[in-house]
Amino acid sequence: MNEAQKLKRNFRNSKAFKDHKKKKFKECGGIDKITLHKLRKGWNFHHEDLREENYEKLNDNFLCCNNLTHKFIHWLYSYFIKDPAIIDRIKAEMERMKEINEGGK
């Protein structure tokens, strides 16, 4: 584990961070903001601000989400920052899948 990882781990173990996480959990009502499903055991407290210098700022730049949502956000963001139109293409594909699957009823 490198020094930056140790600092992040120590910060996540701090009382201030844990208190902020509890506060945000109450604010979201225990619901994943993306899927609108109940947060499961082991849910993630996603930092929306990925800049290293802002890692320890406890503000509104956090999202309570389930593990798979968290992984998806990071995966999608890696493409979105280079090509925001990816959202449009994903939406078009979802609409197409919906049409195909509902058309068979």
PDB file of N, CA and C in Angstrom:
ATOM      1  N   MET A   1       0.855  -1.181   0.000  1.00  0.00           N
ATOM      2  CA  MET A   1       0.000   0.000   0.000  1.00  0.00           C
ATOM      3  C   MET A   1       0.900   1.242   0.000  1.00  0.00           C
ATOM      4  N   ASN A   2       0.633   2.142  -0.955  1.00  0.00           N
ATOM      5  CA  ASN A   2       1.453   3.350  -1.019  1.00  0.00           C
ATOM      6  C   ASN A   2       0.947   4.411  -0.030  1.00  0.00           C
ATOM      7  N   GLU A   3       1.679   5.491   0.070  1.00  0.00           N
ATOM      8  CA  GLU A   3       1.359   6.533   1.051  1.00  0.00           C
ATOM      9  C   GLU A   3      -0.013   7.164   0.808  1.00  0.00           C
ATOM     10  N   ALA A   4      -0.349   7.422  -0.442  1.00  0.00           N
ATOM     11  CA  ALA A   4      -1.656   8.023  -0.759  1.00  0.00           C
ATOM     12  C   ALA A   4      -2.790   7.093  -0.336  1.00  0.00           C
ATOM     13  N   GLN A   5      -2.627   5.804  -0.575  1.00  0.00           N
ATOM     14  CA  GLN A   5      -3.652   4.834  -0.180  1.00  0.00           C
ATOM     15  C   GLN A   5      -3.811   4.790   1.338  1.00  0.00           C
ATOM     16  N   LYS A   6      -2.698   4.888   2.053  1.00  0.00           N
ATOM     17  CA  LYS A   6      -2.741   4.900   3.518  1.00  0.00           C
ATOM     18  C   LYS A   6      -3.480   6.131   4.032  1.00  0.00           C
ATOM     19  N   LEU A   7      -3.192   7.273   3.420  1.00  0.00           N
ATOM     20  CA  LEU A   7      -3.864   8.513   3.828  1.00  0.00           C
ATOM     21  C   LEU A   7      -5.369   8.421   3.602  1.00  0.00           C
ATOM     22  N   LYS A   8      -5.763   7.866   2.449  1.00  0.00           N
ATOM     23  CA  LYS A   8      -7.189   7.707   2.149  1.00  0.00           C
ATOM     24  C   LYS A   8      -7.846   6.756   3.140  1.00  0.00           C
ATOM     25  N   ARG A   9      -7.176   5.644   3.433  1.00  0.00           N
ATOM     26  CA  ARG A   9      -7.719   4.673   4.383  1.00  0.00           C
ATOM     27  C   ARG A   9      -7.898   5.312   5.753  1.00  0.00           C
ATOM     28  N   ASN A  10      -6.887   6.051   6.210  1.00  0.00           N
ATOM     29  CA  ASN A  10      -6.980   6.714   7.512  1.00  0.00           C
ATOM     30  C   ASN A  10      -8.103   7.732   7.533  1.00  0.00           C
ATOM     31  N   PHE A  11      -8.260   8.460   6.440  1.00  0.00           N
ATOM     32  CA  PHE A  11      -9.345   9.444   6.366  1.00  0.00           C
ATOM     33  C   PHE A  11     -10.704   8.749   6.437  1.00  0.00           C
ATOM     34  N   ARG A  12     -10.877   7.654   5.686  1.00  0.00           N
ATOM     35  CA  ARG A  12     -12.149   6.927   5.705  1.00  0.00           C
ATOM     36  C   ARG A  12     -12.445   6.306   7.067  1.00  0.00           C
ATOM     37  N   ASN A  13     -11.419   6.088   7.860  1.00  0.00           N
ATOM     38  CA  ASN A  13     -11.604   5.544   9.204  1.00  0.00           C
ATOM     39  C   ASN A  13     -11.799   6.618  10.269  1.00  0.00           C
ATOM     40  N   SER A  14     -11.730   7.881   9.864  1.00  0.00           N
ATOM     41  CA  SER A  14     -11.861   8.976  10.834  1.00  0.00           C
ATOM     42  C   SER A  14     -13.315   9.152  11.272  1.00  0.00           C
ATOM     43  N   LYS A  15     -13.482   9.678  12.471  1.00  0.00           N
ATOM     44  CA  LYS A  15     -14.823   9.942  13.002  1.00  0.00           C
ATOM     45  C   LYS A  15     -15.560  10.951  12.125  1.00  0.00           C
ATOM     46  N   ALA A  16     -14.857  11.968  11.660  1.00  0.00           N
ATOM     47  CA  ALA A  16     -15.489  12.997  10.818  1.00  0.00           C
ATOM     48  C   ALA A  16     -16.066  12.374   9.550  1.00  0.00           C
ATOM     49  N   PHE A  17     -15.296  11.499   8.909  1.00  0.00           N
ATOM     50  CA  PHE A  17     -15.778  10.856   7.685  1.00  0.00           C
ATOM     51  C   PHE A  17     -16.970   9.956   7.990  1.00  0.00           C
ATOM     52  N   LYS A  18     -16.863   9.153   9.033  1.00  0.00           N
ATOM     53  CA  LYS A  18     -17.948   8.237   9.388  1.00  0.00           C
ATOM     54  C   LYS A  18     -19.224   8.996   9.743  1.00  0.00           C
ATOM     55  N   ASP A  19     -19.076  10.117  10.441  1.00  0.00           N
ATOM     56  CA  ASP A  19     -20.242  10.943  10.777  1.00  0.00           C
ATOM     57  C   ASP A  19     -20.881  11.533   9.526  1.00  0.00           C
ATOM     58  N   HIS A  20     -20.039  11.972   8.591  1.00  0.00           N
ATOM     59  CA  HIS A  20     -20.546  12.542   7.333  1.00  0.00           C
ATOM     60  C   HIS A  20     -21.283  11.473   6.524  1.00  0.00           C
ATOM     61  N   LYS A  21     -20.740  10.269   6.507  1.00  0.00           N
ATOM     62  CA  LYS A  21     -21.368   9.157   5.794  1.00  0.00           C
ATOM     63  C   LYS A  21     -22.735   8.827   6.388  1.00  0.00           C
ATOM     64  N   LYS A  22     -22.825   8.812   7.708  1.00  0.00           N
ATOM     65  CA  LYS A  22     -24.110   8.550   8.383  1.00  0.00           C
ATOM     66  C   LYS A  22     -25.131   9.649   8.066  1.00  0.00           C
ATOM     67  N   LYS A  23     -24.654  10.888   8.074  1.00  0.00           N
ATOM     68  CA  LYS A  23     -25.529  12.030   7.763  1.00  0.00           C
ATOM     69  C   LYS A  23     -26.094  11.901   6.338  1.00  0.00           C
ATOM     70  N   LYS A  24     -25.227  11.578   5.389  1.00  0.00           N
ATOM     71  CA  LYS A  24     -25.661  11.450   3.994  1.00  0.00           C
ATOM     72  C   LYS A  24     -26.600  10.259   3.805  1.00  0.00           C
ATOM     73  N   PHE A  25     -26.357   9.189   4.554  1.00  0.00           N
ATOM     74  CA  PHE A  25     -27.251   8.027   4.493  1.00  0.00           C
ATOM     75  C   PHE A  25     -28.657   8.430   4.940  1.00  0.00           C
ATOM     76  N   LYS A  26     -28.740   9.185   6.017  1.00  0.00           N
ATOM     77  CA  LYS A  26     -30.054   9.642   6.505  1.00  0.00           C
ATOM     78  C   LYS A  26     -30.721  10.559   5.481  1.00  0.00           C
ATOM     79  N   GLU A  27     -29.935  11.445   4.883  1.00  0.00           N
ATOM     80  CA  GLU A  27     -30.480  12.381   3.891  1.00  0.00           C
ATOM     81  C   GLU A  27     -31.052  11.656   2.675  1.00  0.00           C
ATOM     82  N   CYS A  28     -30.416  10.570   2.257  1.00  0.00           N
ATOM     83  CA  CYS A  28     -30.897   9.858   1.064  1.00  0.00           C
ATOM     84  C   CYS A  28     -31.980   8.842   1.417  1.00  0.00           C
ATOM     85  N   GLY A  29     -32.238   8.674   2.703  1.00  0.00           N
ATOM     86  CA  GLY A  29     -33.273   7.739   3.122  1.00  0.00           C
ATOM     87  C   GLY A  29     -32.907   6.281   2.883  1.00  0.00           C
ATOM     88  N   GLY A  30     -31.600   6.012   2.771  1.00  0.00           N
ATOM     89  CA  GLY A  30     -31.163   4.637   2.542  1.00  0.00           C
ATOM     90  C   GLY A  30     -31.445   4.136   1.134  1.00  0.00           C
ATOM     91  N   ILE A  31     -31.564   5.086   0.188  1.00  0.00           N
ATOM     92  CA  ILE A  31     -31.904   4.748  -1.200  1.00  0.00           C
ATOM     93  C   ILE A  31     -30.753   5.126  -2.137  1.00  0.00           C
ATOM     94  N   ASP A  32     -30.424   4.230  -3.045  1.00  0.00           N
ATOM     95  CA  ASP A  32     -29.438   4.468  -4.101  1.00  0.00           C
ATOM     96  C   ASP A  32     -30.048   5.503  -5.049  1.00  0.00           C
ATOM     97  N   LYS A  33     -29.415   6.651  -5.181  1.00  0.00           N
ATOM     98  CA  LYS A  33     -29.962   7.761  -5.976  1.00  0.00           C
ATOM     99  C   LYS A  33     -30.110   7.423  -7.462  1.00  0.00           C
ATOM    100  N   ILE A  34     -29.306   6.518  -7.966  1.00  0.00           N
ATOM    101  CA  ILE A  34     -29.354   6.171  -9.387  1.00  0.00           C
ATOM    102  C   ILE A  34     -30.440   5.138  -9.671  1.00  0.00           C
ATOM    103  N   THR A  35     -30.441   4.052  -8.917  1.00  0.00           N
ATOM    104  CA  THR A  35     -31.399   2.965  -9.174  1.00  0.00           C
ATOM    105  C   THR A  35     -32.708   3.120  -8.415  1.00  0.00           C
ATOM    106  N   LEU A  36     -32.701   3.953  -7.390  1.00  0.00           N
ATOM    107  CA  LEU A  36     -33.840   4.158  -6.485  1.00  0.00           C
ATOM    108  C   LEU A  36     -34.210   2.883  -5.726  1.00  0.00           C
ATOM    109  N   HIS A  37     -33.227   2.002  -5.550  1.00  0.00           N
ATOM    110  CA  HIS A  37     -33.411   0.798  -4.747  1.00  0.00           C
ATOM    111  C   HIS A  37     -32.738   0.988  -3.390  1.00  0.00           C
ATOM    112  N   LYS A  38     -33.170   0.200  -2.433  1.00  0.00           N
ATOM    113  CA  LYS A  38     -32.627   0.265  -1.084  1.00  0.00           C
ATOM    114  C   LYS A  38     -31.120  -0.017  -1.111  1.00  0.00           C
ATOM    115  N   LEU A  39     -30.382   0.750  -0.309  1.00  0.00           N
ATOM    116  CA  LEU A  39     -28.952   0.495  -0.182  1.00  0.00           C
ATOM    117  C   LEU A  39     -28.743  -0.831   0.536  1.00  0.00           C
ATOM    118  N   ARG A  40     -27.861  -1.640  -0.008  1.00  0.00           N
ATOM    119  CA  ARG A  40     -27.573  -2.953   0.561  1.00  0.00           C
ATOM    120  C   ARG A  40     -26.362  -2.878   1.475  1.00  0.00           C
ATOM    121  N   LYS A  41     -26.208  -3.925   2.266  1.00  0.00           N
ATOM    122  CA  LYS A  41     -25.034  -4.023   3.118  1.00  0.00           C
ATOM    123  C   LYS A  41     -23.790  -3.886   2.237  1.00  0.00           C
ATOM    124  N   GLY A  42     -22.824  -3.090   2.696  1.00  0.00           N
ATOM    125  CA  GLY A  42     -21.608  -2.879   1.918  1.00  0.00           C
ATOM    126  C   GLY A  42     -21.739  -1.798   0.861  1.00  0.00           C
ATOM    127  N   TRP A  43     -22.783  -0.968   0.947  1.00  0.00           N
ATOM    128  CA  TRP A  43     -22.973   0.098  -0.029  1.00  0.00           C
ATOM    129  C   TRP A  43     -21.770   1.033  -0.038  1.00  0.00           C
ATOM    130  N   ASN A  44     -21.640   1.811  -1.113  1.00  0.00           N
ATOM    131  CA  ASN A  44     -20.503   2.701  -1.292  1.00  0.00           C
ATOM    132  C   ASN A  44     -20.865   4.159  -1.056  1.00  0.00           C
ATOM    133  N   PHE A  45     -19.909   4.892  -0.583  1.00  0.00           N
ATOM    134  CA  PHE A  45     -20.023   6.341  -0.392  1.00  0.00           C
ATOM    135  C   PHE A  45     -19.134   6.975  -1.454  1.00  0.00           C
ATOM    136  N   HIS A  46     -19.697   7.207  -2.614  1.00  0.00           N
ATOM    137  CA  HIS A  46     -18.971   7.642  -3.805  1.00  0.00           C
ATOM    138  C   HIS A  46     -18.555   9.104  -3.732  1.00  0.00           C
ATOM    139  N   HIS A  47     -17.264   9.355  -3.919  1.00  0.00           N
ATOM    140  CA  HIS A  47     -16.745  10.720  -4.053  1.00  0.00           C
ATOM    141  C   HIS A  47     -17.010  11.169  -5.482  1.00  0.00           C
ATOM    142  N   GLU A  48     -17.802  12.191  -5.657  1.00  0.00           N
ATOM    143  CA  GLU A  48     -18.030  12.714  -7.003  1.00  0.00           C
ATOM    144  C   GLU A  48     -16.849  13.565  -7.471  1.00  0.00           C
ATOM    145  N   ASP A  49     -16.161  14.194  -6.538  1.00  0.00           N
ATOM    146  CA  ASP A  49     -14.981  15.002  -6.850  1.00  0.00           C
ATOM    147  C   ASP A  49     -13.759  14.081  -6.785  1.00  0.00           C
ATOM    148  N   LEU A  50     -13.205  13.748  -7.926  1.00  0.00           N
ATOM    149  CA  LEU A  50     -12.110  12.787  -8.000  1.00  0.00           C
ATOM    150  C   LEU A  50     -10.731  13.424  -7.857  1.00  0.00           C
ATOM    151  N   ARG A  51     -10.687  14.730  -7.708  1.00  0.00           N
ATOM    152  CA  ARG A  51      -9.395  15.406  -7.593  1.00  0.00           C
ATOM    153  C   ARG A  51      -8.759  15.100  -6.231  1.00  0.00           C
ATOM    154  N   GLU A  52      -7.525  14.661  -6.276  1.00  0.00           N
ATOM    155  CA  GLU A  52      -6.785  14.243  -5.074  1.00  0.00           C
ATOM    156  C   GLU A  52      -6.782  15.318  -3.987  1.00  0.00           C
ATOM    157  N   GLU A  53      -6.607  16.570  -4.382  1.00  0.00           N
ATOM    158  CA  GLU A  53      -6.518  17.657  -3.399  1.00  0.00           C
ATOM    159  C   GLU A  53      -7.842  17.910  -2.660  1.00  0.00           C
ATOM    160  N   ASN A  54      -8.926  17.371  -3.187  1.00  0.00           N
ATOM    161  CA  ASN A  54     -10.233  17.572  -2.548  1.00  0.00           C
ATOM    162  C   ASN A  54     -10.755  16.322  -1.835  1.00  0.00           C
ATOM    163  N   TYR A  55      -9.916  15.307  -1.737  1.00  0.00           N
ATOM    164  CA  TYR A  55     -10.362  14.023  -1.193  1.00  0.00           C
ATOM    165  C   TYR A  55     -10.938  14.154   0.219  1.00  0.00           C
ATOM    166  N   GLU A  56     -10.344  15.000   1.033  1.00  0.00           N
ATOM    167  CA  GLU A  56     -10.762  15.090   2.429  1.00  0.00           C
ATOM    168  C   GLU A  56     -11.791  16.176   2.702  1.00  0.00           C
ATOM    169  N   LYS A  57     -12.331  16.780   1.677  1.00  0.00           N
ATOM    170  CA  LYS A  57     -13.364  17.806   1.881  1.00  0.00           C
ATOM    171  C   LYS A  57     -14.719  17.132   2.059  1.00  0.00           C
ATOM    172  N   LEU A  58     -15.292  17.313   3.227  1.00  0.00           N
ATOM    173  CA  LEU A  58     -16.596  16.717   3.525  1.00  0.00           C
ATOM    174  C   LEU A  58     -17.677  17.727   3.165  1.00  0.00           C
ATOM    175  N   ASN A  59     -18.290  17.517   2.012  1.00  0.00           N
ATOM    176  CA  ASN A  59     -19.291  18.445   1.495  1.00  0.00           C
ATOM    177  C   ASN A  59     -20.404  17.642   0.822  1.00  0.00           C
ATOM    178  N   ASP A  60     -21.108  18.256  -0.082  1.00  0.00           N
ATOM    179  CA  ASP A  60     -22.219  17.575  -0.758  1.00  0.00           C
ATOM    180  C   ASP A  60     -21.782  16.772  -1.978  1.00  0.00           C
ATOM    181  N   ASN A  61     -20.486  16.650  -2.209  1.00  0.00           N
ATOM    182  CA  ASN A  61     -19.984  15.928  -3.375  1.00  0.00           C
ATOM    183  C   ASN A  61     -19.805  14.437  -3.111  1.00  0.00           C
ATOM    184  N   PHE A  62     -20.819  13.842  -2.491  1.00  0.00           N
ATOM    185  CA  PHE A  62     -20.818  12.416  -2.194  1.00  0.00           C
ATOM    186  C   PHE A  62     -22.159  11.822  -2.601  1.00  0.00           C
ATOM    187  N   LEU A  63     -22.134  10.570  -2.965  1.00  0.00           N
ATOM    188  CA  LEU A  63     -23.343   9.874  -3.385  1.00  0.00           C
ATOM    189  C   LEU A  63     -23.383   8.509  -2.704  1.00  0.00           C
ATOM    190  N   CYS A  64     -24.483   8.226  -2.039  1.00  0.00           N
ATOM    191  CA  CYS A  64     -24.689   6.904  -1.455  1.00  0.00           C
ATOM    192  C   CYS A  64     -25.240   6.006  -2.560  1.00  0.00           C
ATOM    193  N   CYS A  65     -24.551   4.901  -2.809  1.00  0.00           N
ATOM    194  CA  CYS A  65     -24.995   4.019  -3.884  1.00  0.00           C
ATOM    195  C   CYS A  65     -24.555   2.581  -3.614  1.00  0.00           C
ATOM    196  N   ASN A  66     -25.236   1.676  -4.244  1.00  0.00           N
ATOM    197  CA  ASN A  66     -24.868   0.269  -4.121  1.00  0.00           C
ATOM    198  C   ASN A  66     -23.586  -0.005  -4.896  1.00  0.00           C
ATOM    199  N   ASN A  67     -22.956  -1.116  -4.584  1.00  0.00           N
ATOM    200  CA  ASN A  67     -21.655  -1.461  -5.140  1.00  0.00           C
ATOM    201  C   ASN A  67     -21.663  -1.478  -6.676  1.00  0.00           C
ATOM    202  N   LEU A  68     -22.630  -2.134  -7.272  1.00  0.00           N
ATOM    203  CA  LEU A  68     -22.665  -2.211  -8.733  1.00  0.00           C
ATOM    204  C   LEU A  68     -22.902  -0.835  -9.356  1.00  0.00           C
ATOM    205  N   THR A  69     -23.741  -0.019  -8.736  1.00  0.00           N
ATOM    206  CA  THR A  69     -23.953   1.355  -9.216  1.00  0.00           C
ATOM    207  C   THR A  69     -22.633   2.113  -9.184  1.00  0.00           C
ATOM    208  N   HIS A  70     -21.897   1.963  -8.100  1.00  0.00           N
ATOM    209  CA  HIS A  70     -20.623   2.654  -7.946  1.00  0.00           C
ATOM    210  C   HIS A  70     -19.636   2.247  -9.036  1.00  0.00           C
ATOM    211  N   LYS A  71     -19.537   0.963  -9.287  1.00  0.00           N
ATOM    212  CA  LYS A  71     -18.646   0.471 -10.340  1.00  0.00           C
ATOM    213  C   LYS A  71     -19.086   1.007 -11.708  1.00  0.00           C
ATOM    214  N   PHE A  72     -20.395   1.002 -11.956  1.00  0.00           N
ATOM    215  CA  PHE A  72     -20.925   1.489 -13.227  1.00  0.00           C
ATOM    216  C   PHE A  72     -20.617   2.977 -13.425  1.00  0.00           C
ATOM    217  N   ILE A  73     -20.796   3.772 -12.376  1.00  0.00           N
ATOM    218  CA  ILE A  73     -20.526   5.210 -12.472  1.00  0.00           C
ATOM    219  C   ILE A  73     -19.074   5.450 -12.869  1.00  0.00           C
ATOM    220  N   HIS A  74     -18.164   4.760 -12.204  1.00  0.00           N
ATOM    221  CA  HIS A  74     -16.742   4.951 -12.531  1.00  0.00           C
ATOM    222  C   HIS A  74     -16.420   4.453 -13.941  1.00  0.00           C
ATOM    223  N   TRP A  75     -16.991   3.322 -14.320  1.00  0.00           N
ATOM    224  CA  TRP A  75     -16.764   2.800 -15.672  1.00  0.00           C
ATOM    225  C   TRP A  75     -17.282   3.787 -16.711  1.00  0.00           C
ATOM    226  N   LEU A  76     -18.527   4.240 -16.543  1.00  0.00           N
ATOM    227  CA  LEU A  76     -19.134   5.146 -17.510  1.00  0.00           C
ATOM    228  C   LEU A  76     -18.399   6.483 -17.567  1.00  0.00           C
ATOM    229  N   TYR A  77     -17.995   6.994 -16.413  1.00  0.00           N
ATOM    230  CA  TYR A  77     -17.309   8.278 -16.372  1.00  0.00           C
ATOM    231  C   TYR A  77     -16.016   8.246 -17.185  1.00  0.00           C
ATOM    232  N   SER A  78     -15.322   7.120 -17.154  1.00  0.00           N
ATOM    233  CA  SER A  78     -14.059   7.028 -17.897  1.00  0.00           C
ATOM    234  C   SER A  78     -14.273   7.220 -19.398  1.00  0.00           C
ATOM    235  N   TYR A  79     -15.439   6.881 -19.900  1.00  0.00           N
ATOM    236  CA  TYR A  79     -15.783   7.113 -21.309  1.00  0.00           C
ATOM    237  C   TYR A  79     -16.433   8.486 -21.504  1.00  0.00           C
ATOM    238  N   PHE A  80     -17.285   8.867 -20.557  1.00  0.00           N
ATOM    239  CA  PHE A  80     -18.043  10.117 -20.649  1.00  0.00           C
ATOM    240  C   PHE A  80     -17.123  11.336 -20.730  1.00  0.00           C
ATOM    241  N   ILE A  81     -16.029  11.337 -19.972  1.00  0.00           N
ATOM    242  CA  ILE A  81     -15.152  12.515 -19.988  1.00  0.00           C
ATOM    243  C   ILE A  81     -14.515  12.726 -21.362  1.00  0.00           C
ATOM    244  N   LYS A  82     -14.412  11.670 -22.143  1.00  0.00           N
ATOM    245  CA  LYS A  82     -13.847  11.775 -23.490  1.00  0.00           C
ATOM    246  C   LYS A  82     -14.931  11.972 -24.550  1.00  0.00           C
ATOM    247  N   ASP A  83     -16.143  11.482 -24.261  1.00  0.00           N
ATOM    248  CA  ASP A  83     -17.221  11.476 -25.252  1.00  0.00           C
ATOM    249  C   ASP A  83     -18.593  11.486 -24.559  1.00  0.00           C
ATOM    250  N   PRO A  84     -19.093  12.671 -24.192  1.00  0.00           N
ATOM    251  CA  PRO A  84     -20.383  12.756 -23.490  1.00  0.00           C
ATOM    252  C   PRO A  84     -21.562  12.150 -24.257  1.00  0.00           C
ATOM    253  N   ALA A  85     -21.433  12.008 -25.562  1.00  0.00           N
ATOM    254  CA  ALA A  85     -22.527  11.436 -26.359  1.00  0.00           C
ATOM    255  C   ALA A  85     -22.747   9.954 -26.055  1.00  0.00           C
ATOM    256  N   ILE A  86     -21.857   9.361 -25.275  1.00  0.00           N
ATOM    257  CA  ILE A  86     -22.060   7.962 -24.891  1.00  0.00           C
ATOM    258  C   ILE A  86     -23.407   7.780 -24.184  1.00  0.00           C
ATOM    259  N   ILE A  87     -23.822   8.789 -23.454  1.00  0.00           N
ATOM    260  CA  ILE A  87     -25.112   8.717 -22.741  1.00  0.00           C
ATOM    261  C   ILE A  87     -26.250   8.570 -23.751  1.00  0.00           C
ATOM    262  N   ASP A  88     -26.198   9.338 -24.815  1.00  0.00           N
ATOM    263  CA  ASP A  88     -27.236   9.258 -25.852  1.00  0.00           C
ATOM    264  C   ASP A  88     -27.265   7.882 -26.514  1.00  0.00           C
ATOM    265  N   ARG A  89     -26.083   7.333 -26.777  1.00  0.00           N
ATOM    266  CA  ARG A  89     -26.023   6.010 -27.405  1.00  0.00           C
ATOM    267  C   ARG A  89     -26.526   4.915 -26.469  1.00  0.00           C
ATOM    268  N   ILE A  90     -26.195   5.033 -25.197  1.00  0.00           N
ATOM    269  CA  ILE A  90     -26.704   4.051 -24.224  1.00  0.00           C
ATOM    270  C   ILE A  90     -28.216   4.157 -24.116  1.00  0.00           C
ATOM    271  N   LYS A  91     -28.730   5.378 -24.049  1.00  0.00           N
ATOM    272  CA  LYS A  91     -30.184   5.561 -23.954  1.00  0.00           C
ATOM    273  C   LYS A  91     -30.873   4.983 -25.193  1.00  0.00           C
ATOM    274  N   ALA A  92     -30.321   5.219 -26.362  1.00  0.00           N
ATOM    275  CA  ALA A  92     -30.908   4.680 -27.595  1.00  0.00           C
ATOM    276  C   ALA A  92     -30.921   3.153 -27.555  1.00  0.00           C
ATOM    277  N   GLU A  93     -29.848   2.555 -27.068  1.00  0.00           N
ATOM    278  CA  GLU A  93     -29.790   1.095 -26.976  1.00  0.00           C
ATOM    279  C   GLU A  93     -30.805   0.566 -25.968  1.00  0.00           C
ATOM    280  N   MET A  94     -30.960   1.257 -24.853  1.00  0.00           N
ATOM    281  CA  MET A  94     -31.953   0.837 -23.849  1.00  0.00           C
ATOM    282  C   MET A  94     -33.372   0.920 -24.431  1.00  0.00           C
ATOM    283  N   GLU A  95     -33.644   1.983 -25.170  1.00  0.00           N
ATOM    284  CA  GLU A  95     -34.956   2.133 -25.807  1.00  0.00           C
ATOM    285  C   GLU A  95     -35.183   1.014 -26.822  1.00  0.00           C
ATOM    286  N   ARG A  96     -34.156   0.690 -27.599  1.00  0.00           N
ATOM    287  CA  ARG A  96     -34.259  -0.385 -28.590  1.00  0.00           C
ATOM    288  C   ARG A  96     -34.522  -1.725 -27.896  1.00  0.00           C
ATOM    289  N   MET A  97     -33.800  -2.013 -26.841  1.00  0.00           N
ATOM    290  CA  MET A  97     -34.004  -3.264 -26.104  1.00  0.00           C
ATOM    291  C   MET A  97     -35.416  -3.338 -25.521  1.00  0.00           C
ATOM    292  N   LYS A  98     -35.872  -2.201 -25.007  1.00  0.00           N
ATOM    293  CA  LYS A  98     -37.225  -2.140 -24.434  1.00  0.00           C
ATOM    294  C   LYS A  98     -38.262  -2.435 -25.516  1.00  0.00           C
ATOM    295  N   GLU A  99     -38.092  -1.800 -26.673  1.00  0.00           N
ATOM    296  CA  GLU A  99     -39.018  -1.995 -27.800  1.00  0.00           C
ATOM    297  C   GLU A  99     -39.016  -3.452 -28.257  1.00  0.00           C
ATOM    298  N   ILE A 100     -37.833  -4.022 -28.403  1.00  0.00           N
ATOM    299  CA  ILE A 100     -37.739  -5.421 -28.852  1.00  0.00           C
ATOM    300  C   ILE A 100     -38.394  -6.349 -27.846  1.00  0.00           C
ATOM    301  N   ASN A 101     -38.121  -6.139 -26.578  1.00  0.00           N
ATOM    302  CA  ASN A 101     -38.620  -7.052 -25.549  1.00  0.00           C
ATOM    303  C   ASN A 101     -40.087  -6.849 -25.221  1.00  0.00           C
ATOM    304  N   GLU A 102     -40.572  -5.641 -25.346  1.00  0.00           N
ATOM    305  CA  GLU A 102     -42.003  -5.410 -25.117  1.00  0.00           C
ATOM    306  C   GLU A 102     -42.821  -5.746 -26.355  1.00  0.00           C
ATOM    307  N   GLY A 103     -42.181  -5.723 -27.503  1.00  0.00           N
ATOM    308  CA  GLY A 103     -42.873  -6.032 -28.759  1.00  0.00           C
ATOM    309  C   GLY A 103     -43.275  -7.513 -28.840  1.00  0.00           C
ATOM    310  N   GLY A 104     -42.613  -8.334 -28.070  1.00  0.00           N
ATOM    311  CA  GLY A 104     -42.906  -9.772 -28.093  1.00  0.00           C
ATOM    312  C   GLY A 104     -44.068 -10.173 -27.210  1.00  0.00           C
ATOM    313  N   LYS A 105     -44.695  -9.204 -26.554  1.00  0.00           N
ATOM    314  CA  LYS A 105     -45.810  -9.535 -25.646  1.00  0.00           C
ATOM    315  C   LYS A 105     -47.082  -9.826 -26.401  1.00  0.00           C
TER     316      LYS A 105
END
